[in-house]
Amino acid sequence: MNEDANTVKEPSKLVTYLVVAAKIIVYILLMLGLTGMLAAVCIKPISFFKISGILEEVVMQSTFLAGSFLAAWTLLKNWDHLPVADLGLSLKGRAKDIFWGTFVALAIYAVGFGILYAIGEVEIAAVHFSAYELLLSWILMLLVALTEEIAFRGFVLGHLLAAGVNRFVALFLSSALFSLMHIFNPNFSLIAFLNILLAGILIGSTYIYTRNLWFAIALHLFWNWLQGPILGFEVSGGRLGGTLLSLELPEENIINGGTFGFEGSILCTALMIIAIVITLRSASKRSVCDPCPHSIPEPGHAGE
């Protein structure tokens, strides 16, 4: 037999992309199915112990986290034959990522809220301090961040990169899917879709270089926590529990975000574009100057 006959033919790019699309669809369906079953199990204990308010949200969000993780673990183990560590949850050497993720969220909201307050687009009506509610809301936002980052960055974006999709195309596609999953949120609009897509790009901006989730988790956590429980905006159109500040909007418009919250604001759009440019440039330089061999994808996996 000649040498060509013994050569194993590599699957075409189209086949590879179709397989990864199938994995993502199966993952989302499996995640929703597992979450639904776990939520159904939790309903009776919630009712029996009369759990309500933000504590109930914490319990229910725990089922989403469990569903997203179990679905990822199941497919990684049985389809990809990879360890769950492939999601990028290793904490080793990631203190800087957590710091910078937190800092980016703080910076955007310090500037954004400061401008809105200075030009009279938001007014502080009252201040209500409750350590218990702030702690519970922080736990809730941590659960939300872990759930969505495992799903959209760890699994979806990770699989797109591993399939050889160009890293920026993969970042855009995963962010678009992330935004579309918010389509049934109250008061969703075109600018809300754009801003959540930009938020997905910003949150995933370091993952495409490091394949680690902790920058994304920290940014996502403090983005939501500062926006809602601290500053008093709606979070992606919804409100959960009490807030430190009670805001009044003289007028609901695209400058202050109206009923969707800060994510419905063109000011948010501008600040995120600036943050994306800075973060991508910084992450790109860091990946060259300070590579992390355990988290950066192997050559060729990023489609560069």
C-alpha atoms as a PDB file:
ATOM      1  CA  MET A   1       0.000   0.000   0.000  1.00  0.00           C
ATOM      2  CA  ASN A   2       1.296   3.458  -0.764  1.00  0.00           C
ATOM      3  CA  GLU A   3       1.937   6.073   1.900  1.00  0.00           C
ATOM      4  CA  ASP A   4      -1.090   8.187   0.952  1.00  0.00           C
ATOM      5  CA  ALA A   5      -3.458   5.303   1.595  1.00  0.00           C
ATOM      6  CA  ASN A   6      -2.201   4.987   5.164  1.00  0.00           C
ATOM      7  CA  THR A   7      -2.568   8.694   5.890  1.00  0.00           C
ATOM      8  CA  VAL A   8      -5.527   9.509   8.132  1.00  0.00           C
ATOM      9  CA  LYS A   9      -7.542  12.236   6.479  1.00  0.00           C
ATOM     10  CA  GLU A  10      -8.176  15.218   8.742  1.00  0.00           C
ATOM     11  CA  PRO A  11     -11.811  16.385   8.927  1.00  0.00           C
ATOM     12  CA  SER A  12     -12.574  19.520   6.939  1.00  0.00           C
ATOM     13  CA  LYS A  13     -13.047  22.839   8.704  1.00  0.00           C
ATOM     14  CA  LEU A  14     -16.755  22.740   7.892  1.00  0.00           C
ATOM     15  CA  VAL A  15     -17.141  19.364   9.598  1.00  0.00           C
ATOM     16  CA  THR A  16     -15.147  20.582  12.606  1.00  0.00           C
ATOM     17  CA  TYR A  17     -17.313  23.703  12.912  1.00  0.00           C
ATOM     18  CA  LEU A  18     -20.531  21.671  12.582  1.00  0.00           C
ATOM     19  CA  VAL A  19     -19.362  19.322  15.340  1.00  0.00           C
ATOM     20  CA  VAL A  20     -18.547  22.178  17.696  1.00  0.00           C
ATOM     21  CA  ALA A  21     -21.913  23.821  16.906  1.00  0.00           C
ATOM     22  CA  ALA A  22     -23.615  20.530  17.782  1.00  0.00           C
ATOM     23  CA  LYS A  23     -21.676  20.335  21.055  1.00  0.00           C
ATOM     24  CA  ILE A  24     -22.759  23.848  22.000  1.00  0.00           C
ATOM     25  CA  ILE A  25     -26.407  23.126  21.206  1.00  0.00           C
ATOM     26  CA  VAL A  26     -26.293  19.853  23.162  1.00  0.00           C
ATOM     27  CA  TYR A  27     -24.591  21.653  26.039  1.00  0.00           C
ATOM     28  CA  ILE A  28     -27.262  24.371  26.253  1.00  0.00           C
ATOM     29  CA  LEU A  29     -30.092  21.830  26.096  1.00  0.00           C
ATOM     30  CA  LEU A  30     -28.434  19.592  28.689  1.00  0.00           C
ATOM     31  CA  MET A  31     -27.724  22.565  30.960  1.00  0.00           C
ATOM     32  CA  LEU A  32     -31.350  23.723  30.788  1.00  0.00           C
ATOM     33  CA  GLY A  33     -32.625  20.179  31.361  1.00  0.00           C
ATOM     34  CA  LEU A  34     -30.412  19.558  34.394  1.00  0.00           C
ATOM     35  CA  THR A  35     -31.215  22.984  35.811  1.00  0.00           C
ATOM     36  CA  GLY A  36     -34.946  22.361  35.389  1.00  0.00           C
ATOM     37  CA  MET A  37     -34.731  19.041  37.234  1.00  0.00           C
ATOM     38  CA  LEU A  38     -32.655  20.499  40.068  1.00  0.00           C
ATOM     39  CA  ALA A  39     -34.985  23.492  40.376  1.00  0.00           C
ATOM     40  CA  ALA A  40     -37.988  21.174  40.593  1.00  0.00           C
ATOM     41  CA  VAL A  41     -36.291  19.305  43.449  1.00  0.00           C
ATOM     42  CA  CYS A  42     -35.688  22.590  45.306  1.00  0.00           C
ATOM     43  CA  ILE A  43     -39.254  23.915  45.030  1.00  0.00           C
ATOM     44  CA  LYS A  44     -40.700  21.808  47.864  1.00  0.00           C
ATOM     45  CA  PRO A  45     -37.937  22.608  50.407  1.00  0.00           C
ATOM     46  CA  ILE A  46     -38.251  26.311  49.538  1.00  0.00           C
ATOM     47  CA  SER A  47     -41.972  26.152  50.167  1.00  0.00           C
ATOM     48  CA  PHE A  48     -41.605  24.036  53.329  1.00  0.00           C
ATOM     49  CA  PHE A  49     -39.023  26.319  54.941  1.00  0.00           C
ATOM     50  CA  LYS A  50     -40.830  29.430  53.632  1.00  0.00           C
ATOM     51  CA  ILE A  51     -37.711  30.766  51.927  1.00  0.00           C
ATOM     52  CA  SER A  52     -38.440  33.946  50.004  1.00  0.00           C
ATOM     53  CA  GLY A  53     -36.890  37.097  48.611  1.00  0.00           C
ATOM     54  CA  ILE A  54     -33.227  37.236  47.711  1.00  0.00           C
ATOM     55  CA  LEU A  55     -32.459  34.039  49.669  1.00  0.00           C
ATOM     56  CA  GLU A  56     -34.846  32.168  47.373  1.00  0.00           C
ATOM     57  CA  GLU A  57     -32.999  33.650  44.387  1.00  0.00           C
ATOM     58  CA  VAL A  58     -29.711  32.398  45.842  1.00  0.00           C
ATOM     59  CA  VAL A  59     -31.097  28.869  46.167  1.00  0.00           C
ATOM     60  CA  MET A  60     -32.538  28.862  42.647  1.00  0.00           C
ATOM     61  CA  GLN A  61     -29.392  30.346  41.114  1.00  0.00           C
ATOM     62  CA  SER A  62     -27.435  27.534  42.756  1.00  0.00           C
ATOM     63  CA  THR A  63     -29.392  25.123  40.573  1.00  0.00           C
ATOM     64  CA  PHE A  64     -28.324  27.058  37.458  1.00  0.00           C
ATOM     65  CA  LEU A  65     -24.692  26.873  38.549  1.00  0.00           C
ATOM     66  CA  ALA A  66     -24.974  23.151  39.224  1.00  0.00           C
ATOM     67  CA  GLY A  67     -26.693  22.610  35.864  1.00  0.00           C
ATOM     68  CA  SER A  68     -24.075  24.556  33.895  1.00  0.00           C
ATOM     69  CA  PHE A  69     -21.190  22.782  35.631  1.00  0.00           C
ATOM     70  CA  LEU A  70     -22.653  19.272  35.434  1.00  0.00           C
ATOM     71  CA  ALA A  71     -23.509  19.687  31.752  1.00  0.00           C
ATOM     72  CA  ALA A  72     -19.967  20.887  31.015  1.00  0.00           C
ATOM     73  CA  TRP A  73     -18.403  18.086  33.053  1.00  0.00           C
ATOM     74  CA  THR A  74     -20.577  15.442  31.349  1.00  0.00           C
ATOM     75  CA  LEU A  75     -19.707  16.564  27.815  1.00  0.00           C
ATOM     76  CA  LEU A  76     -16.037  17.185  28.528  1.00  0.00           C
ATOM     77  CA  LYS A  77     -15.642  13.734  30.050  1.00  0.00           C
ATOM     78  CA  ASN A  78     -17.786  11.679  27.675  1.00  0.00           C
ATOM     79  CA  TRP A  79     -17.539  13.545  24.361  1.00  0.00           C
ATOM     80  CA  ASP A  80     -14.230  15.414  24.421  1.00  0.00           C
ATOM     81  CA  HIS A  81     -12.429  13.060  26.835  1.00  0.00           C
ATOM     82  CA  LEU A  82     -10.963  16.085  28.619  1.00  0.00           C
ATOM     83  CA  PRO A  83     -10.720  16.965  32.323  1.00  0.00           C
ATOM     84  CA  VAL A  84     -13.060  19.574  33.818  1.00  0.00           C
ATOM     85  CA  ALA A  85      -9.939  21.713  34.363  1.00  0.00           C
ATOM     86  CA  ASP A  86     -10.228  22.505  30.633  1.00  0.00           C
ATOM     87  CA  LEU A  87     -12.943  25.032  31.573  1.00  0.00           C
ATOM     88  CA  GLY A  88     -10.269  27.351  32.980  1.00  0.00           C
ATOM     89  CA  LEU A  89     -11.200  27.490  36.667  1.00  0.00           C
ATOM     90  CA  SER A  90      -7.680  27.058  38.050  1.00  0.00           C
ATOM     91  CA  LEU A  91      -6.937  29.700  40.698  1.00  0.00           C
ATOM     92  CA  LYS A  92      -3.178  29.179  40.680  1.00  0.00           C
ATOM     93  CA  GLY A  93      -1.407  32.447  39.886  1.00  0.00           C
ATOM     94  CA  ARG A  94      -4.685  34.246  39.111  1.00  0.00           C
ATOM     95  CA  ALA A  95      -4.754  36.869  41.894  1.00  0.00           C
ATOM     96  CA  LYS A  96      -3.848  39.574  39.358  1.00  0.00           C
ATOM     97  CA  ASP A  97      -6.707  38.514  37.083  1.00  0.00           C
ATOM     98  CA  ILE A  98      -9.189  38.789  39.953  1.00  0.00           C
ATOM     99  CA  PHE A  99      -7.790  42.196  40.912  1.00  0.00           C
ATOM    100  CA  TRP A 100      -7.952  43.587  37.375  1.00  0.00           C
ATOM    101  CA  GLY A 101     -11.410  42.185  36.709  1.00  0.00           C
ATOM    102  CA  THR A 102     -12.652  43.904  39.863  1.00  0.00           C
ATOM    103  CA  PHE A 103     -10.791  47.107  38.982  1.00  0.00           C
ATOM    104  CA  VAL A 104     -12.291  47.327  35.466  1.00  0.00           C
ATOM    105  CA  ALA A 105     -15.825  47.004  36.858  1.00  0.00           C
ATOM    106  CA  LEU A 106     -15.131  49.624  39.551  1.00  0.00           C
ATOM    107  CA  ALA A 107     -13.584  52.014  37.029  1.00  0.00           C
ATOM    108  CA  ILE A 108     -16.484  51.786  34.555  1.00  0.00           C
ATOM    109  CA  TYR A 109     -19.110  52.360  37.220  1.00  0.00           C
ATOM    110  CA  ALA A 110     -17.151  55.107  38.995  1.00  0.00           C
ATOM    111  CA  VAL A 111     -16.877  57.024  35.724  1.00  0.00           C
ATOM    112  CA  GLY A 112     -20.334  56.102  34.396  1.00  0.00           C
ATOM    113  CA  PHE A 113     -22.291  56.829  37.565  1.00  0.00           C
ATOM    114  CA  GLY A 114     -20.184  59.920  38.240  1.00  0.00           C
ATOM    115  CA  ILE A 115     -21.027  61.397  34.815  1.00  0.00           C
ATOM    116  CA  LEU A 116     -24.743  60.544  35.083  1.00  0.00           C
ATOM    117  CA  TYR A 117     -24.949  62.086  38.567  1.00  0.00           C
ATOM    118  CA  ALA A 118     -22.989  65.191  37.523  1.00  0.00           C
ATOM    119  CA  ILE A 119     -25.257  65.935  34.530  1.00  0.00           C
ATOM    120  CA  GLY A 120     -28.449  65.227  36.490  1.00  0.00           C
ATOM    121  CA  GLU A 121     -29.465  62.042  34.672  1.00  0.00           C
ATOM    122  CA  VAL A 122     -29.738  60.169  37.987  1.00  0.00           C
ATOM    123  CA  GLU A 123     -30.603  61.406  41.463  1.00  0.00           C
ATOM    124  CA  ILE A 124     -30.053  59.666  44.803  1.00  0.00           C
ATOM    125  CA  ALA A 125     -33.424  59.516  46.563  1.00  0.00           C
ATOM    126  CA  ALA A 126     -32.343  57.546  49.646  1.00  0.00           C
ATOM    127  CA  VAL A 127     -29.643  55.346  51.149  1.00  0.00           C
ATOM    128  CA  HIS A 128     -30.530  52.020  52.793  1.00  0.00           C
ATOM    129  CA  PHE A 129     -27.714  50.008  54.376  1.00  0.00           C
ATOM    130  CA  SER A 130     -28.313  46.333  55.139  1.00  0.00           C
ATOM    131  CA  ALA A 131     -25.195  44.189  55.575  1.00  0.00           C
ATOM    132  CA  TYR A 132     -27.326  41.022  55.335  1.00  0.00           C
ATOM    133  CA  GLU A 133     -28.896  41.973  51.983  1.00  0.00           C
ATOM    134  CA  LEU A 134     -25.604  43.225  50.554  1.00  0.00           C
ATOM    135  CA  LEU A 135     -23.891  39.958  51.505  1.00  0.00           C
ATOM    136  CA  LEU A 136     -26.691  37.835  50.051  1.00  0.00           C
ATOM    137  CA  SER A 137     -26.722  39.910  46.878  1.00  0.00           C
ATOM    138  CA  TRP A 138     -22.943  39.484  46.552  1.00  0.00           C
ATOM    139  CA  ILE A 139     -23.329  35.707  46.899  1.00  0.00           C
ATOM    140  CA  LEU A 140     -26.139  35.763  44.330  1.00  0.00           C
ATOM    141  CA  MET A 141     -24.041  37.749  41.849  1.00  0.00           C
ATOM    142  CA  LEU A 142     -21.106  35.388  42.417  1.00  0.00           C
ATOM    143  CA  LEU A 143     -23.355  32.435  41.550  1.00  0.00           C
ATOM    144  CA  VAL A 144     -24.602  34.256  38.433  1.00  0.00           C
ATOM    145  CA  ALA A 145     -21.041  35.079  37.354  1.00  0.00           C
ATOM    146  CA  LEU A 146     -19.823  31.505  37.867  1.00  0.00           C
ATOM    147  CA  THR A 147     -22.823  30.063  36.018  1.00  0.00           C
ATOM    148  CA  GLU A 148     -22.598  32.307  32.980  1.00  0.00           C
ATOM    149  CA  GLU A 149     -18.804  32.261  32.723  1.00  0.00           C
ATOM    150  CA  ILE A 150     -18.636  28.468  32.889  1.00  0.00           C
ATOM    151  CA  ALA A 151     -21.308  28.313  30.186  1.00  0.00           C
ATOM    152  CA  PHE A 152     -20.423  31.097  27.744  1.00  0.00           C
ATOM    153  CA  ARG A 153     -16.691  31.528  28.178  1.00  0.00           C
ATOM    154  CA  GLY A 154     -15.508  28.225  29.659  1.00  0.00           C
ATOM    155  CA  PHE A 155     -17.563  25.917  27.428  1.00  0.00           C
ATOM    156  CA  VAL A 156     -18.823  27.879  24.402  1.00  0.00           C
ATOM    157  CA  LEU A 157     -15.840  30.167  23.794  1.00  0.00           C
ATOM    158  CA  GLY A 158     -13.396  27.446  24.842  1.00  0.00           C
ATOM    159  CA  HIS A 159     -14.819  24.998  22.314  1.00  0.00           C
ATOM    160  CA  LEU A 160     -14.856  27.589  19.519  1.00  0.00           C
ATOM    161  CA  LEU A 161     -11.171  28.305  20.147  1.00  0.00           C
ATOM    162  CA  ALA A 162     -10.302  24.601  20.317  1.00  0.00           C
ATOM    163  CA  ALA A 163     -12.083  24.072  16.982  1.00  0.00           C
ATOM    164  CA  GLY A 164      -9.705  26.534  15.331  1.00  0.00           C
ATOM    165  CA  VAL A 165     -12.084  29.480  15.031  1.00  0.00           C
ATOM    166  CA  ASN A 166     -10.213  32.789  14.901  1.00  0.00           C
ATOM    167  CA  ARG A 167     -10.039  34.067  18.486  1.00  0.00           C
ATOM    168  CA  PHE A 168     -11.799  37.371  17.733  1.00  0.00           C
ATOM    169  CA  VAL A 169     -14.538  35.684  15.685  1.00  0.00           C
ATOM    170  CA  ALA A 170     -14.988  33.160  18.503  1.00  0.00           C
ATOM    171  CA  LEU A 171     -15.182  35.980  21.064  1.00  0.00           C
ATOM    172  CA  PHE A 172     -17.826  37.771  18.979  1.00  0.00           C
ATOM    173  CA  LEU A 173     -19.921  34.629  18.414  1.00  0.00           C
ATOM    174  CA  SER A 174     -19.907  33.604  22.076  1.00  0.00           C
ATOM    175  CA  SER A 175     -20.765  37.176  23.103  1.00  0.00           C
ATOM    176  CA  ALA A 176     -23.641  37.344  20.617  1.00  0.00           C
ATOM    177  CA  LEU A 177     -25.032  34.096  22.041  1.00  0.00           C
ATOM    178  CA  PHE A 178     -24.552  35.499  25.556  1.00  0.00           C
ATOM    179  CA  SER A 179     -26.559  38.596  24.582  1.00  0.00           C
ATOM    180  CA  LEU A 180     -29.293  36.587  22.855  1.00  0.00           C
ATOM    181  CA  MET A 181     -29.835  34.576  26.057  1.00  0.00           C
ATOM    182  CA  HIS A 182     -31.031  37.854  27.661  1.00  0.00           C
ATOM    183  CA  ILE A 183     -33.612  38.519  24.948  1.00  0.00           C
ATOM    184  CA  PHE A 184     -36.590  37.722  27.204  1.00  0.00           C
ATOM    185  CA  ASN A 185     -35.411  40.052  29.999  1.00  0.00           C
ATOM    186  CA  PRO A 186     -37.803  42.914  30.842  1.00  0.00           C
ATOM    187  CA  ASN A 187     -37.435  46.039  28.681  1.00  0.00           C
ATOM    188  CA  PHE A 188     -34.889  44.417  26.360  1.00  0.00           C
ATOM    189  CA  SER A 189     -34.003  46.649  23.380  1.00  0.00           C
ATOM    190  CA  LEU A 190     -31.549  46.966  20.503  1.00  0.00           C
ATOM    191  CA  ILE A 191     -29.119  49.049  22.560  1.00  0.00           C
ATOM    192  CA  ALA A 192     -29.440  46.543  25.414  1.00  0.00           C
ATOM    193  CA  PHE A 193     -28.542  43.752  22.978  1.00  0.00           C
ATOM    194  CA  LEU A 194     -25.538  45.733  21.732  1.00  0.00           C
ATOM    195  CA  ASN A 195     -24.329  46.554  25.244  1.00  0.00           C
ATOM    196  CA  ILE A 196     -24.628  42.994  26.530  1.00  0.00           C
ATOM    197  CA  LEU A 197     -22.774  41.814  23.421  1.00  0.00           C
ATOM    198  CA  LEU A 198     -20.039  44.369  24.201  1.00  0.00           C
ATOM    199  CA  ALA A 199     -20.077  43.235  27.826  1.00  0.00           C
ATOM    200  CA  GLY A 200     -19.490  39.665  26.647  1.00  0.00           C
ATOM    201  CA  ILE A 201     -16.537  40.817  24.533  1.00  0.00           C
ATOM    202  CA  LEU A 202     -15.089  42.776  27.456  1.00  0.00           C
ATOM    203  CA  ILE A 203     -15.604  39.919  29.919  1.00  0.00           C
ATOM    204  CA  GLY A 204     -14.036  37.388  27.542  1.00  0.00           C
ATOM    205  CA  SER A 205     -11.217  39.685  26.390  1.00  0.00           C
ATOM    206  CA  THR A 206      -8.491  37.974  28.434  1.00  0.00           C
ATOM    207  CA  TYR A 207      -9.859  34.429  28.097  1.00  0.00           C
ATOM    208  CA  ILE A 208      -8.919  34.256  24.419  1.00  0.00           C
ATOM    209  CA  TYR A 209      -5.279  34.640  25.491  1.00  0.00           C
ATOM    210  CA  THR A 210      -5.167  32.887  28.879  1.00  0.00           C
ATOM    211  CA  ARG A 211      -7.951  30.270  28.708  1.00  0.00           C
ATOM    212  CA  ASN A 212      -8.628  31.118  32.357  1.00  0.00           C
ATOM    213  CA  LEU A 213     -11.945  32.417  33.737  1.00  0.00           C
ATOM    214  CA  TRP A 214     -11.001  34.400  36.836  1.00  0.00           C
ATOM    215  CA  PHE A 215     -10.685  37.827  35.212  1.00  0.00           C
ATOM    216  CA  ALA A 216     -14.085  37.194  33.617  1.00  0.00           C
ATOM    217  CA  ILE A 217     -15.685  35.952  36.849  1.00  0.00           C
ATOM    218  CA  ALA A 218     -14.409  38.913  38.901  1.00  0.00           C
ATOM    219  CA  LEU A 219     -15.484  41.458  36.268  1.00  0.00           C
ATOM    220  CA  HIS A 220     -18.909  39.844  35.843  1.00  0.00           C
ATOM    221  CA  LEU A 221     -19.478  39.581  39.604  1.00  0.00           C
ATOM    222  CA  PHE A 222     -18.644  43.189  40.419  1.00  0.00           C
ATOM    223  CA  TRP A 223     -20.296  44.519  37.254  1.00  0.00           C
ATOM    224  CA  ASN A 224     -23.640  43.104  38.387  1.00  0.00           C
ATOM    225  CA  TRP A 225     -23.173  43.797  42.102  1.00  0.00           C
ATOM    226  CA  LEU A 226     -22.181  47.438  41.641  1.00  0.00           C
ATOM    227  CA  GLN A 227     -24.884  48.048  39.047  1.00  0.00           C
ATOM    228  CA  GLY A 228     -27.786  46.658  41.086  1.00  0.00           C
ATOM    229  CA  PRO A 229     -27.372  46.101  44.836  1.00  0.00           C
ATOM    230  CA  ILE A 230     -24.937  49.018  45.318  1.00  0.00           C
ATOM    231  CA  LEU A 231     -25.945  51.781  42.886  1.00  0.00           C
ATOM    232  CA  GLY A 232     -29.614  50.879  42.521  1.00  0.00           C
ATOM    233  CA  PHE A 233     -29.899  50.365  38.748  1.00  0.00           C
ATOM    234  CA  GLU A 234     -31.859  47.471  37.293  1.00  0.00           C
ATOM    235  CA  VAL A 235     -29.540  44.598  36.332  1.00  0.00           C
ATOM    236  CA  SER A 236     -30.234  43.674  32.693  1.00  0.00           C
ATOM    237  CA  GLY A 237     -33.799  44.882  33.145  1.00  0.00           C
ATOM    238  CA  GLY A 238     -34.500  43.135  36.467  1.00  0.00           C
ATOM    239  CA  ARG A 239     -34.279  44.031  40.143  1.00  0.00           C
ATOM    240  CA  LEU A 240     -33.440  41.594  42.929  1.00  0.00           C
ATOM    241  CA  GLY A 241     -33.836  42.569  46.581  1.00  0.00           C
ATOM    242  CA  GLY A 242     -33.002  45.887  48.198  1.00  0.00           C
ATOM    243  CA  THR A 243     -30.274  48.280  47.085  1.00  0.00           C
ATOM    244  CA  LEU A 244     -27.836  50.524  48.908  1.00  0.00           C
ATOM    245  CA  LEU A 245     -28.890  53.560  46.854  1.00  0.00           C
ATOM    246  CA  SER A 246     -32.423  54.294  45.746  1.00  0.00           C
ATOM    247  CA  LEU A 247     -32.265  56.163  42.449  1.00  0.00           C
ATOM    248  CA  GLU A 248     -34.683  58.457  40.709  1.00  0.00           C
ATOM    249  CA  LEU A 249     -34.442  59.107  36.982  1.00  0.00           C
ATOM    250  CA  PRO A 250     -35.762  62.548  35.991  1.00  0.00           C
ATOM    251  CA  GLU A 251     -36.407  61.028  32.585  1.00  0.00           C
ATOM    252  CA  GLU A 252     -36.008  57.482  31.223  1.00  0.00           C
ATOM    253  CA  ASN A 253     -33.749  57.720  28.179  1.00  0.00           C
ATOM    254  CA  ILE A 254     -30.775  56.127  26.438  1.00  0.00           C
ATOM    255  CA  ILE A 255     -28.358  58.314  28.372  1.00  0.00           C
ATOM    256  CA  ASN A 256     -29.225  56.868  31.794  1.00  0.00           C
ATOM    257  CA  GLY A 257     -30.470  53.503  30.499  1.00  0.00           C
ATOM    258  CA  GLY A 258     -34.066  53.875  31.640  1.00  0.00           C
ATOM    259  CA  THR A 259     -35.851  50.779  32.901  1.00  0.00           C
ATOM    260  CA  PHE A 260     -33.174  48.383  31.634  1.00  0.00           C
ATOM    261  CA  GLY A 261     -30.509  49.858  33.861  1.00  0.00           C
ATOM    262  CA  PHE A 262     -27.062  51.176  33.014  1.00  0.00           C
ATOM    263  CA  GLU A 263     -26.673  48.453  30.360  1.00  0.00           C
ATOM    264  CA  GLY A 264     -29.346  50.294  28.330  1.00  0.00           C
ATOM    265  CA  SER A 265     -27.248  53.479  28.218  1.00  0.00           C
ATOM    266  CA  ILE A 266     -25.159  54.864  25.341  1.00  0.00           C
ATOM    267  CA  LEU A 267     -22.709  56.036  28.000  1.00  0.00           C
ATOM    268  CA  CYS A 268     -22.251  52.376  28.898  1.00  0.00           C
ATOM    269  CA  THR A 269     -21.617  51.661  25.194  1.00  0.00           C
ATOM    270  CA  ALA A 270     -18.855  54.260  24.994  1.00  0.00           C
ATOM    271  CA  LEU A 271     -17.161  53.195  28.234  1.00  0.00           C
ATOM    272  CA  MET A 272     -17.196  49.504  27.280  1.00  0.00           C
ATOM    273  CA  ILE A 273     -15.668  50.165  23.854  1.00  0.00           C
ATOM    274  CA  ILE A 274     -12.826  52.067  25.544  1.00  0.00           C
ATOM    275  CA  ALA A 275     -12.402  49.299  28.132  1.00  0.00           C
ATOM    276  CA  ILE A 276     -12.399  46.592  25.429  1.00  0.00           C
ATOM    277  CA  VAL A 277      -9.632  48.304  23.448  1.00  0.00           C
ATOM    278  CA  ILE A 278      -7.473  48.804  26.552  1.00  0.00           C
ATOM    279  CA  THR A 279      -8.081  45.301  27.928  1.00  0.00           C
ATOM    280  CA  LEU A 280      -7.447  43.507  24.629  1.00  0.00           C
ATOM    281  CA  ARG A 281      -4.197  45.404  24.078  1.00  0.00           C
ATOM    282  CA  SER A 282      -3.074  44.710  27.640  1.00  0.00           C
ATOM    283  CA  ALA A 283      -4.012  41.010  27.458  1.00  0.00           C
ATOM    284  CA  SER A 284      -2.241  40.630  24.103  1.00  0.00           C
ATOM    285  CA  LYS A 285       0.998  42.154  25.437  1.00  0.00           C
ATOM    286  CA  ARG A 286       0.794  40.106  28.626  1.00  0.00           C
ATOM    287  CA  SER A 287       0.352  36.856  26.698  1.00  0.00           C
ATOM    288  CA  VAL A 288       3.581  37.590  24.801  1.00  0.00           C
ATOM    289  CA  CYS A 289       5.630  38.889  27.738  1.00  0.00           C
ATOM    290  CA  ASP A 290       4.346  36.627  30.498  1.00  0.00           C
ATOM    291  CA  PRO A 291       2.994  33.422  28.951  1.00  0.00           C
ATOM    292  CA  CYS A 292       1.162  30.877  31.076  1.00  0.00           C
ATOM    293  CA  PRO A 293       1.870  27.482  29.454  1.00  0.00           C
ATOM    294  CA  HIS A 294      -0.847  25.730  31.424  1.00  0.00           C
ATOM    295  CA  SER A 295      -3.672  27.954  30.212  1.00  0.00           C
ATOM    296  CA  ILE A 296      -2.763  29.311  26.787  1.00  0.00           C
ATOM    297  CA  PRO A 297      -4.119  27.092  23.988  1.00  0.00           C
ATOM    298  CA  GLU A 298      -1.653  25.094  21.953  1.00  0.00           C
ATOM    299  CA  PRO A 299      -0.421  26.677  18.699  1.00  0.00           C
ATOM    300  CA  GLY A 300      -3.082  26.516  16.037  1.00  0.00           C
ATOM    301  CA  HIS A 301      -6.003  26.233  18.451  1.00  0.00           C
ATOM    302  CA  ALA A 302      -6.737  29.929  18.326  1.00  0.00           C
ATOM    303  CA  GLY A 303      -6.997  29.974  14.573  1.00  0.00           C
ATOM    304  CA  GLU A 304      -4.397  32.707  14.233  1.00  0.00           C
END
